[in-house]
All heavy atoms as atom14 arrays in JSON, in Angstrom:
{
  "sequence": "FRATQRNTFSLHLERSGKRLTPERVFILDTALGMKSHFTANDLRQAME",
  "atom14_mask": [
    [1, 1, 1, 1, 1, 1, 1, 1, 1, 1, 1, 0, 0, 0],
    [1, 1, 1, 1, 1, 1, 1, 1, 1, 1, 1, 0, 0, 0],
    [1, 1, 1, 1, 1, 0, 0, 0, 0, 0, 0, 0, 0, 0],
    [1, 1, 1, 1, 1, 1, 1, 0, 0, 0, 0, 0, 0, 0],
    [1, 1, 1, 1, 1, 1, 1, 1, 1, 0, 0, 0, 0, 0],
    [1, 1, 1, 1, 1, 1, 1, 1, 1, 1, 1, 0, 0, 0],
    [1, 1, 1, 1, 1, 1, 1, 1, 0, 0, 0, 0, 0, 0],
    [1, 1, 1, 1, 1, 1, 1, 0, 0, 0, 0, 0, 0, 0],
    [1, 1, 1, 1, 1, 1, 1, 1, 1, 1, 1, 0, 0, 0],
    [1, 1, 1, 1, 1, 1, 0, 0, 0, 0, 0, 0, 0, 0],
    [1, 1, 1, 1, 1, 1, 1, 1, 0, 0, 0, 0, 0, 0],
    [1, 1, 1, 1, 1, 1, 1, 1, 1, 1, 0, 0, 0, 0],
    [1, 1, 1, 1, 1, 1, 1, 1, 0, 0, 0, 0, 0, 0],
    [1, 1, 1, 1, 1, 1, 1, 1, 1, 0, 0, 0, 0, 0],
    [1, 1, 1, 1, 1, 1, 1, 1, 1, 1, 1, 0, 0, 0],
    [1, 1, 1, 1, 1, 1, 0, 0, 0, 0, 0, 0, 0, 0],
    [1, 1, 1, 1, 0, 0, 0, 0, 0, 0, 0, 0, 0, 0],
    [1, 1, 1, 1, 1, 1, 1, 1, 1, 0, 0, 0, 0, 0],
    [1, 1, 1, 1, 1, 1, 1, 1, 1, 1, 1, 0, 0, 0],
    [1, 1, 1, 1, 1, 1, 1, 1, 0, 0, 0, 0, 0, 0],
    [1, 1, 1, 1, 1, 1, 1, 0, 0, 0, 0, 0, 0, 0],
    [1, 1, 1, 1, 1, 1, 1, 0, 0, 0, 0, 0, 0, 0],
    [1, 1, 1, 1, 1, 1, 1, 1, 1, 0, 0, 0, 0, 0],
    [1, 1, 1, 1, 1, 1, 1, 1, 1, 1, 1, 0, 0, 0],
    [1, 1, 1, 1, 1, 1, 1, 0, 0, 0, 0, 0, 0, 0],
    [1, 1, 1, 1, 1, 1, 1, 1, 1, 1, 1, 0, 0, 0],
    [1, 1, 1, 1, 1, 1, 1, 1, 0, 0, 0, 0, 0, 0],
    [1, 1, 1, 1, 1, 1, 1, 1, 0, 0, 0, 0, 0, 0],
    [1, 1, 1, 1, 1, 1, 1, 1, 0, 0, 0, 0, 0, 0],
    [1, 1, 1, 1, 1, 1, 1, 0, 0, 0, 0, 0, 0, 0],
    [1, 1, 1, 1, 1, 0, 0, 0, 0, 0, 0, 0, 0, 0],
    [1, 1, 1, 1, 1, 1, 1, 1, 0, 0, 0, 0, 0, 0],
    [1, 1, 1, 1, 0, 0, 0, 0, 0, 0, 0, 0, 0, 0],
    [1, 1, 1, 1, 1, 1, 1, 1, 0, 0, 0, 0, 0, 0],
    [1, 1, 1, 1, 1, 1, 1, 1, 1, 0, 0, 0, 0, 0],
    [1, 1, 1, 1, 1, 1, 0, 0, 0, 0, 0, 0, 0, 0],
    [1, 1, 1, 1, 1, 1, 1, 1, 1, 1, 0, 0, 0, 0],
    [1, 1, 1, 1, 1, 1, 1, 1, 1, 1, 1, 0, 0, 0],
    [1, 1, 1, 1, 1, 1, 1, 0, 0, 0, 0, 0, 0, 0],
    [1, 1, 1, 1, 1, 0, 0, 0, 0, 0, 0, 0, 0, 0],
    [1, 1, 1, 1, 1, 1, 1, 1, 0, 0, 0, 0, 0, 0],
    [1, 1, 1, 1, 1, 1, 1, 1, 0, 0, 0, 0, 0, 0],
    [1, 1, 1, 1, 1, 1, 1, 1, 0, 0, 0, 0, 0, 0],
    [1, 1, 1, 1, 1, 1, 1, 1, 1, 1, 1, 0, 0, 0],
    [1, 1, 1, 1, 1, 1, 1, 1, 1, 0, 0, 0, 0, 0],
    [1, 1, 1, 1, 1, 0, 0, 0, 0, 0, 0, 0, 0, 0],
    [1, 1, 1, 1, 1, 1, 1, 1, 0, 0, 0, 0, 0, 0],
    [1, 1, 1, 1, 1, 1, 1, 1, 1, 0, 0, 0, 0, 0]
  ],
  "atom14_positions": [
    [[94.33, 113.52, 98.91], [93.3, 112.76, 99.61], [93.33, 111.3, 99.18], [93.26, 110.39, 100.0], [91.92, 113.36, 99.34], [90.8, 112.59, 99.99], [90.58, 112.68, 101.34], [89.98, 111.79, 99.23], [89.56, 111.97, 101.95], [88.96, 111.07, 99.81], [88.75, 111.17, 101.18], [0.0, 0.0, 0.0], [0.0, 0.0, 0.0], [0.0, 0.0, 0.0]],
    [[93.45, 111.06, 97.86], [93.52, 109.68, 97.35], [94.72, 108.94, 97.93], [94.62, 107.79, 98.32], [93.61, 109.67, 95.83], [92.31, 109.84, 95.15], [92.5, 109.66, 93.63], [91.32, 110.0, 92.92], [90.33, 109.14, 92.65], [90.43, 107.9, 93.05], [89.27, 109.53, 92.0], [0.0, 0.0, 0.0], [0.0, 0.0, 0.0], [0.0, 0.0, 0.0]],
    [[95.86, 109.61, 97.98], [97.07, 108.98, 98.52], [96.91, 108.67, 100.0], [97.33, 107.6, 100.46], [98.28, 109.89, 98.29], [0.0, 0.0, 0.0], [0.0, 0.0, 0.0], [0.0, 0.0, 0.0], [0.0, 0.0, 0.0], [0.0, 0.0, 0.0], [0.0, 0.0, 0.0], [0.0, 0.0, 0.0], [0.0, 0.0, 0.0], [0.0, 0.0, 0.0]],
    [[96.3, 109.56, 100.74], [96.07, 109.32, 102.16], [95.15, 108.12, 102.37], [95.41, 107.27, 103.22], [95.44, 110.57, 102.82], [96.3, 111.68, 102.59], [95.24, 110.37, 104.29], [0.0, 0.0, 0.0], [0.0, 0.0, 0.0], [0.0, 0.0, 0.0], [0.0, 0.0, 0.0], [0.0, 0.0, 0.0], [0.0, 0.0, 0.0], [0.0, 0.0, 0.0]],
    [[94.06, 108.07, 101.6], [93.12, 106.96, 101.73], [93.76, 105.64, 101.31], [93.54, 104.62, 101.94], [91.85, 107.23, 100.91], [91.05, 108.42, 101.38], [90.47, 108.23, 102.76], [91.18, 108.09, 103.76], [89.17, 108.23, 102.85], [0.0, 0.0, 0.0], [0.0, 0.0, 0.0], [0.0, 0.0, 0.0], [0.0, 0.0, 0.0], [0.0, 0.0, 0.0]],
    [[94.55, 105.66, 100.25], [95.23, 104.44, 99.8], [96.22, 103.97, 100.87], [96.33, 102.78, 101.14], [95.96, 104.68, 98.49], [96.57, 103.4, 97.93], [97.27, 103.63, 96.65], [96.28, 103.87, 95.59], [96.59, 104.04, 94.32], [97.86, 104.01, 93.95], [95.67, 104.24, 93.43], [0.0, 0.0, 0.0], [0.0, 0.0, 0.0], [0.0, 0.0, 0.0]],
    [[96.93, 104.91, 101.49], [97.87, 104.56, 102.55], [97.14, 103.98, 103.75], [97.59, 102.98, 104.33], [98.68, 105.8, 102.95], [99.79, 105.46, 103.91], [100.41, 104.41, 103.8], [100.03, 106.35, 104.84], [0.0, 0.0, 0.0], [0.0, 0.0, 0.0], [0.0, 0.0, 0.0], [0.0, 0.0, 0.0], [0.0, 0.0, 0.0], [0.0, 0.0, 0.0]],
    [[96.03, 104.58, 104.14], [95.23, 104.07, 105.25], [94.76, 102.65, 104.97], [94.85, 101.76, 105.82], [94.0, 104.97, 105.49], [94.45, 106.29, 105.75], [93.15, 104.47, 106.62], [0.0, 0.0, 0.0], [0.0, 0.0, 0.0], [0.0, 0.0, 0.0], [0.0, 0.0, 0.0], [0.0, 0.0, 0.0], [0.0, 0.0, 0.0], [0.0, 0.0, 0.0]],
    [[94.28, 102.41, 103.75], [93.79, 101.1, 103.38], [94.92, 100.07, 103.35], [94.76, 98.96, 103.85], [93.09, 101.18, 102.02], [92.42, 99.92, 101.59], [91.53, 99.26, 102.41], [92.67, 99.39, 100.33], [90.9, 98.1, 102.01], [92.05, 98.22, 99.92], [91.15, 97.58, 100.75], [0.0, 0.0, 0.0], [0.0, 0.0, 0.0], [0.0, 0.0, 0.0]],
    [[96.06, 100.44, 102.78], [97.17, 99.49, 102.69], [97.73, 99.15, 104.08], [98.08, 98.0, 104.35], [98.28, 100.02, 101.79], [98.86, 101.17, 102.35], [0.0, 0.0, 0.0], [0.0, 0.0, 0.0], [0.0, 0.0, 0.0], [0.0, 0.0, 0.0], [0.0, 0.0, 0.0], [0.0, 0.0, 0.0], [0.0, 0.0, 0.0], [0.0, 0.0, 0.0]],
    [[97.78, 100.13, 104.98], [98.23, 99.85, 106.35], [97.27, 98.91, 107.08], [97.69, 98.01, 107.81], [98.39, 101.15, 107.14], [99.58, 102.02, 106.78], [99.53, 103.33, 107.55], [100.89, 101.29, 107.06], [0.0, 0.0, 0.0], [0.0, 0.0, 0.0], [0.0, 0.0, 0.0], [0.0, 0.0, 0.0], [0.0, 0.0, 0.0], [0.0, 0.0, 0.0]],
    [[95.98, 99.12, 106.87], [94.99, 98.24, 107.49], [95.12, 96.81, 106.96], [95.07, 95.85, 107.74], [93.58, 98.76, 107.23], [92.51, 97.86, 107.74], [92.26, 97.69, 109.08], [91.65, 97.05, 107.1], [91.28, 96.83, 109.24], [90.89, 96.42, 108.04], [0.0, 0.0, 0.0], [0.0, 0.0, 0.0], [0.0, 0.0, 0.0], [0.0, 0.0, 0.0]],
    [[95.31, 96.68, 105.66], [95.48, 95.33, 105.08], [96.74, 94.67, 105.61], [96.74, 93.47, 105.93], [95.53, 95.42, 103.56], [94.21, 95.76, 102.85], [94.45, 95.93, 101.37], [93.17, 94.69, 103.11], [0.0, 0.0, 0.0], [0.0, 0.0, 0.0], [0.0, 0.0, 0.0], [0.0, 0.0, 0.0], [0.0, 0.0, 0.0], [0.0, 0.0, 0.0]],
    [[97.81, 95.43, 105.71], [99.07, 94.89, 106.22], [98.91, 94.4, 107.66], [99.38, 93.33, 108.01], [100.14, 95.97, 106.14], [101.54, 95.49, 106.45], [102.53, 96.63, 106.29], [102.54, 97.27, 105.23], [103.29, 96.86, 107.26], [0.0, 0.0, 0.0], [0.0, 0.0, 0.0], [0.0, 0.0, 0.0], [0.0, 0.0, 0.0], [0.0, 0.0, 0.0]],
    [[98.24, 95.2, 108.49], [98.03, 94.82, 109.9], [97.15, 93.59, 110.02], [97.31, 92.81, 110.96], [97.38, 95.97, 110.68], [98.4, 96.96, 111.2], [97.74, 97.99, 112.09], [97.63, 99.22, 111.31], [96.52, 99.9, 111.1], [95.41, 99.54, 111.66], [96.53, 100.98, 110.36], [0.0, 0.0, 0.0], [0.0, 0.0, 0.0], [0.0, 0.0, 0.0]],
    [[96.22, 93.4, 109.11], [95.32, 92.25, 109.19], [95.84, 91.05, 108.39], [95.14, 90.04, 108.27], [93.92, 92.63, 108.73], [93.94, 93.11, 107.41], [0.0, 0.0, 0.0], [0.0, 0.0, 0.0], [0.0, 0.0, 0.0], [0.0, 0.0, 0.0], [0.0, 0.0, 0.0], [0.0, 0.0, 0.0], [0.0, 0.0, 0.0], [0.0, 0.0, 0.0]],
    [[97.04, 91.15, 107.85], [97.66, 90.02, 107.17], [97.16, 89.78, 105.76], [97.24, 88.66, 105.26], [0.0, 0.0, 0.0], [0.0, 0.0, 0.0], [0.0, 0.0, 0.0], [0.0, 0.0, 0.0], [0.0, 0.0, 0.0], [0.0, 0.0, 0.0], [0.0, 0.0, 0.0], [0.0, 0.0, 0.0], [0.0, 0.0, 0.0], [0.0, 0.0, 0.0]],
    [[96.65, 90.79, 105.12], [96.13, 90.66, 103.75], [97.01, 91.48, 102.81], [97.74, 92.35, 103.22], [94.68, 91.13, 103.7], [93.76, 90.25, 104.52], [92.35, 90.79, 104.5], [91.38, 89.89, 105.2], [91.64, 89.66, 106.59], [0.0, 0.0, 0.0], [0.0, 0.0, 0.0], [0.0, 0.0, 0.0], [0.0, 0.0, 0.0], [0.0, 0.0, 0.0]],
    [[96.9, 91.16, 101.51], [97.73, 91.84, 100.52], [96.94, 92.95, 99.83], [95.73, 92.86, 99.67], [98.2, 90.85, 99.46], [99.14, 89.8, 99.99], [99.64, 88.87, 98.91], [98.52, 88.12, 98.31], [98.29, 88.06, 97.01], [99.07, 88.66, 96.16], [97.27, 87.38, 96.55], [0.0, 0.0, 0.0], [0.0, 0.0, 0.0], [0.0, 0.0, 0.0]],
    [[97.66, 93.97, 99.41], [97.07, 95.04, 98.61], [97.24, 94.65, 97.14], [98.26, 94.9, 96.52], [97.76, 96.38, 98.9], [97.2, 97.59, 98.16], [95.78, 97.87, 98.62], [98.07, 98.8, 98.39], [0.0, 0.0, 0.0], [0.0, 0.0, 0.0], [0.0, 0.0, 0.0], [0.0, 0.0, 0.0], [0.0, 0.0, 0.0], [0.0, 0.0, 0.0]],
    [[96.21, 94.01, 96.61], [96.25, 93.52, 95.23], [95.84, 94.63, 94.27], [95.2, 95.61, 94.67], [95.3, 92.32, 95.06], [93.96, 92.76, 95.34], [95.69, 91.18, 95.99], [0.0, 0.0, 0.0], [0.0, 0.0, 0.0], [0.0, 0.0, 0.0], [0.0, 0.0, 0.0], [0.0, 0.0, 0.0], [0.0, 0.0, 0.0], [0.0, 0.0, 0.0]],
    [[96.18, 94.49, 92.99], [95.74, 95.49, 92.0], [94.21, 95.61, 91.93], [93.69, 96.7, 91.69], [96.31, 94.97, 90.68], [97.45, 94.09, 91.07], [97.08, 93.5, 92.39], [0.0, 0.0, 0.0], [0.0, 0.0, 0.0], [0.0, 0.0, 0.0], [0.0, 0.0, 0.0], [0.0, 0.0, 0.0], [0.0, 0.0, 0.0], [0.0, 0.0, 0.0]],
    [[93.51, 94.5, 92.15], [92.05, 94.55, 92.13], [91.51, 95.4, 93.27], [90.58, 96.19, 93.09], [91.46, 93.13, 92.22], [91.66, 92.28, 90.99], [93.03, 91.61, 90.95], [93.81, 91.72, 91.93], [93.33, 90.98, 89.91], [0.0, 0.0, 0.0], [0.0, 0.0, 0.0], [0.0, 0.0, 0.0], [0.0, 0.0, 0.0], [0.0, 0.0, 0.0]],
    [[92.09, 95.27, 94.45], [91.66, 96.07, 95.6], [91.97, 97.54, 95.39], [91.19, 98.4, 95.78], [92.31, 95.56, 96.88], [91.72, 94.24, 97.35], [92.36, 93.77, 98.62], [91.68, 92.57, 99.09], [92.23, 91.65, 99.86], [93.48, 91.8, 100.26], [91.56, 90.6, 100.24], [0.0, 0.0, 0.0], [0.0, 0.0, 0.0], [0.0, 0.0, 0.0]],
    [[93.1, 97.84, 94.78], [93.44, 99.23, 94.48], [92.44, 99.81, 93.47], [91.99, 100.96, 93.61], [94.89, 99.35, 93.94], [95.17, 100.75, 93.42], [95.88, 98.96, 95.01], [0.0, 0.0, 0.0], [0.0, 0.0, 0.0], [0.0, 0.0, 0.0], [0.0, 0.0, 0.0], [0.0, 0.0, 0.0], [0.0, 0.0, 0.0], [0.0, 0.0, 0.0]],
    [[92.05, 99.01, 92.48], [91.09, 99.45, 91.47], [89.72, 99.72, 92.12], [89.06, 100.71, 91.82], [90.97, 98.39, 90.37], [90.04, 98.77, 89.25], [90.26, 99.92, 88.5], [88.95, 97.98, 88.95], [89.41, 100.27, 87.47], [88.09, 98.32, 87.93], [88.31, 99.47, 87.18], [0.0, 0.0, 0.0], [0.0, 0.0, 0.0], [0.0, 0.0, 0.0]],
    [[89.3, 98.84, 93.03], [88.04, 99.03, 93.76], [88.11, 100.31, 94.59], [87.17, 101.12, 94.59], [87.73, 97.81, 94.65], [87.44, 96.59, 93.79], [86.55, 98.11, 95.59], [87.37, 95.28, 94.57], [0.0, 0.0, 0.0], [0.0, 0.0, 0.0], [0.0, 0.0, 0.0], [0.0, 0.0, 0.0], [0.0, 0.0, 0.0], [0.0, 0.0, 0.0]],
    [[89.22, 100.52, 95.28], [89.4, 101.71, 96.1], [89.34, 102.98, 95.25], [88.63, 103.93, 95.58], [90.71, 101.65, 96.86], [91.09, 102.88, 97.69], [90.12, 103.05, 98.84], [92.5, 102.77, 98.18], [0.0, 0.0, 0.0], [0.0, 0.0, 0.0], [0.0, 0.0, 0.0], [0.0, 0.0, 0.0], [0.0, 0.0, 0.0], [0.0, 0.0, 0.0]],
    [[90.06, 103.01, 94.14], [90.09, 104.19, 93.28], [88.71, 104.47, 92.69], [88.3, 105.64, 92.59], [91.11, 104.02, 92.16], [92.54, 104.14, 92.67], [92.73, 104.74, 93.75], [93.45, 103.65, 91.98], [0.0, 0.0, 0.0], [0.0, 0.0, 0.0], [0.0, 0.0, 0.0], [0.0, 0.0, 0.0], [0.0, 0.0, 0.0], [0.0, 0.0, 0.0]],
    [[87.99, 103.43, 92.3], [86.65, 103.62, 91.76], [85.71, 104.15, 92.83], [84.9, 105.05, 92.58], [86.1, 102.31, 91.18], [87.05, 101.78, 90.25], [84.78, 102.52, 90.47], [0.0, 0.0, 0.0], [0.0, 0.0, 0.0], [0.0, 0.0, 0.0], [0.0, 0.0, 0.0], [0.0, 0.0, 0.0], [0.0, 0.0, 0.0], [0.0, 0.0, 0.0]],
    [[85.8, 103.61, 94.05], [84.94, 104.07, 95.15], [85.24, 105.52, 95.49], [84.32, 106.3, 95.75], [85.14, 103.18, 96.38], [0.0, 0.0, 0.0], [0.0, 0.0, 0.0], [0.0, 0.0, 0.0], [0.0, 0.0, 0.0], [0.0, 0.0, 0.0], [0.0, 0.0, 0.0], [0.0, 0.0, 0.0], [0.0, 0.0, 0.0], [0.0, 0.0, 0.0]],
    [[86.51, 105.9, 95.49], [86.86, 107.28, 95.8], [86.38, 108.25, 94.73], [86.22, 109.44, 94.99], [88.38, 107.42, 95.98], [88.97, 106.73, 97.21], [90.49, 106.86, 97.21], [88.37, 107.28, 98.49], [0.0, 0.0, 0.0], [0.0, 0.0, 0.0], [0.0, 0.0, 0.0], [0.0, 0.0, 0.0], [0.0, 0.0, 0.0], [0.0, 0.0, 0.0]],
    [[86.13, 107.76, 93.53], [85.63, 108.59, 92.45], [84.12, 108.75, 92.43], [83.58, 109.56, 91.68], [0.0, 0.0, 0.0], [0.0, 0.0, 0.0], [0.0, 0.0, 0.0], [0.0, 0.0, 0.0], [0.0, 0.0, 0.0], [0.0, 0.0, 0.0], [0.0, 0.0, 0.0], [0.0, 0.0, 0.0], [0.0, 0.0, 0.0], [0.0, 0.0, 0.0]],
    [[83.41, 108.01, 93.27], [81.95, 108.1, 93.31], [81.56, 109.44, 93.94], [82.14, 109.86, 94.93], [81.35, 106.94, 94.1], [81.7, 105.57, 93.54], [81.03, 105.26, 91.91], [79.4, 104.71, 92.32], [0.0, 0.0, 0.0], [0.0, 0.0, 0.0], [0.0, 0.0, 0.0], [0.0, 0.0, 0.0], [0.0, 0.0, 0.0], [0.0, 0.0, 0.0]],
    [[80.56, 110.09, 93.39], [80.16, 111.43, 93.83], [79.34, 111.43, 95.12], [79.49, 112.29, 95.95], [79.36, 112.13, 92.73], [80.13, 112.32, 91.46], [81.19, 113.38, 91.62], [81.9, 113.6, 90.31], [83.23, 114.05, 90.46], [0.0, 0.0, 0.0], [0.0, 0.0, 0.0], [0.0, 0.0, 0.0], [0.0, 0.0, 0.0], [0.0, 0.0, 0.0]],
    [[78.43, 110.48, 95.26], [77.58, 110.44, 96.45], [77.53, 109.01, 96.97], [78.4, 108.2, 96.64], [76.18, 110.96, 96.11], [75.56, 110.09, 95.19], [0.0, 0.0, 0.0], [0.0, 0.0, 0.0], [0.0, 0.0, 0.0], [0.0, 0.0, 0.0], [0.0, 0.0, 0.0], [0.0, 0.0, 0.0], [0.0, 0.0, 0.0], [0.0, 0.0, 0.0]],
    [[76.52, 108.7, 97.76], [76.42, 107.34, 98.3], [76.16, 106.36, 97.14], [75.61, 106.73, 96.11], [75.34, 107.26, 99.37], [73.99, 107.68, 98.91], [73.59, 109.0, 98.92], [72.95, 106.97, 98.41], [72.37, 109.08, 98.46], [71.95, 107.87, 98.14], [0.0, 0.0, 0.0], [0.0, 0.0, 0.0], [0.0, 0.0, 0.0], [0.0, 0.0, 0.0]],
    [[76.55, 105.1, 97.35], [76.45, 104.1, 96.31], [76.27, 102.72, 96.94], [76.63, 102.51, 98.09], [77.68, 104.11, 95.4], [78.98, 103.91, 96.14], [79.51, 102.64, 96.34], [79.67, 105.0, 96.66], [80.7, 102.47, 97.03], [80.86, 104.83, 97.35], [81.38, 103.56, 97.54], [0.0, 0.0, 0.0], [0.0, 0.0, 0.0], [0.0, 0.0, 0.0]],
    [[75.71, 101.8, 96.17], [75.6, 100.42, 96.6], [76.75, 99.63, 95.96], [77.47, 100.15, 95.1], [74.26, 99.81, 96.15], [74.2, 99.79, 94.73], [73.08, 100.59, 96.72], [0.0, 0.0, 0.0], [0.0, 0.0, 0.0], [0.0, 0.0, 0.0], [0.0, 0.0, 0.0], [0.0, 0.0, 0.0], [0.0, 0.0, 0.0], [0.0, 0.0, 0.0]],
    [[76.87, 98.39, 96.36], [77.92, 97.54, 95.78], [77.68, 97.34, 94.28], [78.62, 97.33, 93.49], [77.96, 96.2, 96.5], [0.0, 0.0, 0.0], [0.0, 0.0, 0.0], [0.0, 0.0, 0.0], [0.0, 0.0, 0.0], [0.0, 0.0, 0.0], [0.0, 0.0, 0.0], [0.0, 0.0, 0.0], [0.0, 0.0, 0.0], [0.0, 0.0, 0.0]],
    [[76.42, 97.24, 93.89], [76.12, 97.08, 92.46], [76.41, 98.35, 91.67], [76.84, 98.28, 90.52], [74.66, 96.65, 92.27], [74.45, 95.22, 92.72], [75.34, 94.38, 92.58], [73.28, 94.94, 93.27], [0.0, 0.0, 0.0], [0.0, 0.0, 0.0], [0.0, 0.0, 0.0], [0.0, 0.0, 0.0], [0.0, 0.0, 0.0], [0.0, 0.0, 0.0]],
    [[76.19, 99.51, 92.27], [76.56, 100.77, 91.61], [78.07, 100.81, 91.37], [78.53, 101.22, 90.3], [76.16, 101.98, 92.46], [74.66, 102.13, 92.6], [73.93, 101.6, 91.75], [74.25, 102.8, 93.57], [0.0, 0.0, 0.0], [0.0, 0.0, 0.0], [0.0, 0.0, 0.0], [0.0, 0.0, 0.0], [0.0, 0.0, 0.0], [0.0, 0.0, 0.0]],
    [[78.82, 100.4, 92.37], [80.27, 100.39, 92.25], [80.72, 99.39, 91.19], [81.61, 99.66, 90.4], [80.9, 100.05, 93.6], [82.41, 100.13, 93.71], [82.92, 101.53, 93.38], [82.86, 99.72, 95.1], [0.0, 0.0, 0.0], [0.0, 0.0, 0.0], [0.0, 0.0, 0.0], [0.0, 0.0, 0.0], [0.0, 0.0, 0.0], [0.0, 0.0, 0.0]],
    [[80.06, 98.25, 91.15], [80.39, 97.23, 90.15], [80.13, 97.75, 88.73], [80.94, 97.55, 87.82], [79.56, 95.98, 90.42], [79.92, 94.82, 89.55], [79.28, 93.55, 90.07], [79.64, 92.47, 89.21], [78.77, 91.75, 88.54], [77.49, 91.97, 88.65], [79.18, 90.77, 87.76], [0.0, 0.0, 0.0], [0.0, 0.0, 0.0], [0.0, 0.0, 0.0]],
    [[79.02, 98.46, 88.55], [78.72, 99.03, 87.23], [79.73, 100.1, 86.85], [80.12, 100.21, 85.69], [77.31, 99.62, 87.22], [76.23, 98.57, 87.22], [74.84, 99.19, 87.33], [74.71, 100.39, 87.55], [73.83, 98.35, 87.18], [0.0, 0.0, 0.0], [0.0, 0.0, 0.0], [0.0, 0.0, 0.0], [0.0, 0.0, 0.0], [0.0, 0.0, 0.0]],
    [[80.19, 100.88, 87.82], [81.19, 101.91, 87.54], [82.53, 101.29, 87.15], [83.29, 101.87, 86.38], [81.37, 102.82, 88.76], [0.0, 0.0, 0.0], [0.0, 0.0, 0.0], [0.0, 0.0, 0.0], [0.0, 0.0, 0.0], [0.0, 0.0, 0.0], [0.0, 0.0, 0.0], [0.0, 0.0, 0.0], [0.0, 0.0, 0.0], [0.0, 0.0, 0.0]],
    [[82.82, 100.11, 87.67], [84.1, 99.46, 87.36], [84.08, 98.74, 86.02], [85.13, 98.4, 85.5], [84.45, 98.45, 88.46], [84.82, 99.1, 89.76], [85.5, 97.96, 90.97], [84.29, 96.68, 91.03], [0.0, 0.0, 0.0], [0.0, 0.0, 0.0], [0.0, 0.0, 0.0], [0.0, 0.0, 0.0], [0.0, 0.0, 0.0], [0.0, 0.0, 0.0]],
    [[82.9, 98.48, 85.47], [82.81, 97.74, 84.2], [83.51, 98.45, 83.05], [84.02, 97.83, 82.16], [81.35, 97.47, 83.84], [80.74, 96.37, 84.68], [79.29, 96.12, 84.33], [78.73, 96.83, 83.46], [78.71, 95.21, 84.94], [0.0, 0.0, 0.0], [0.0, 0.0, 0.0], [0.0, 0.0, 0.0], [0.0, 0.0, 0.0], [0.0, 0.0, 0.0]]
  ]
}
């Protein structure tokens, strides 16, 4: 599932002319690890 979501995200970035940076991958992996709904601040605290 993680690989599929990462592939979907990277294809979208490629189509829109953006790069898949390590920071974006880290944000994606952290978001995929969240158990339920979350806010941006919740995600930021999880990444700390």
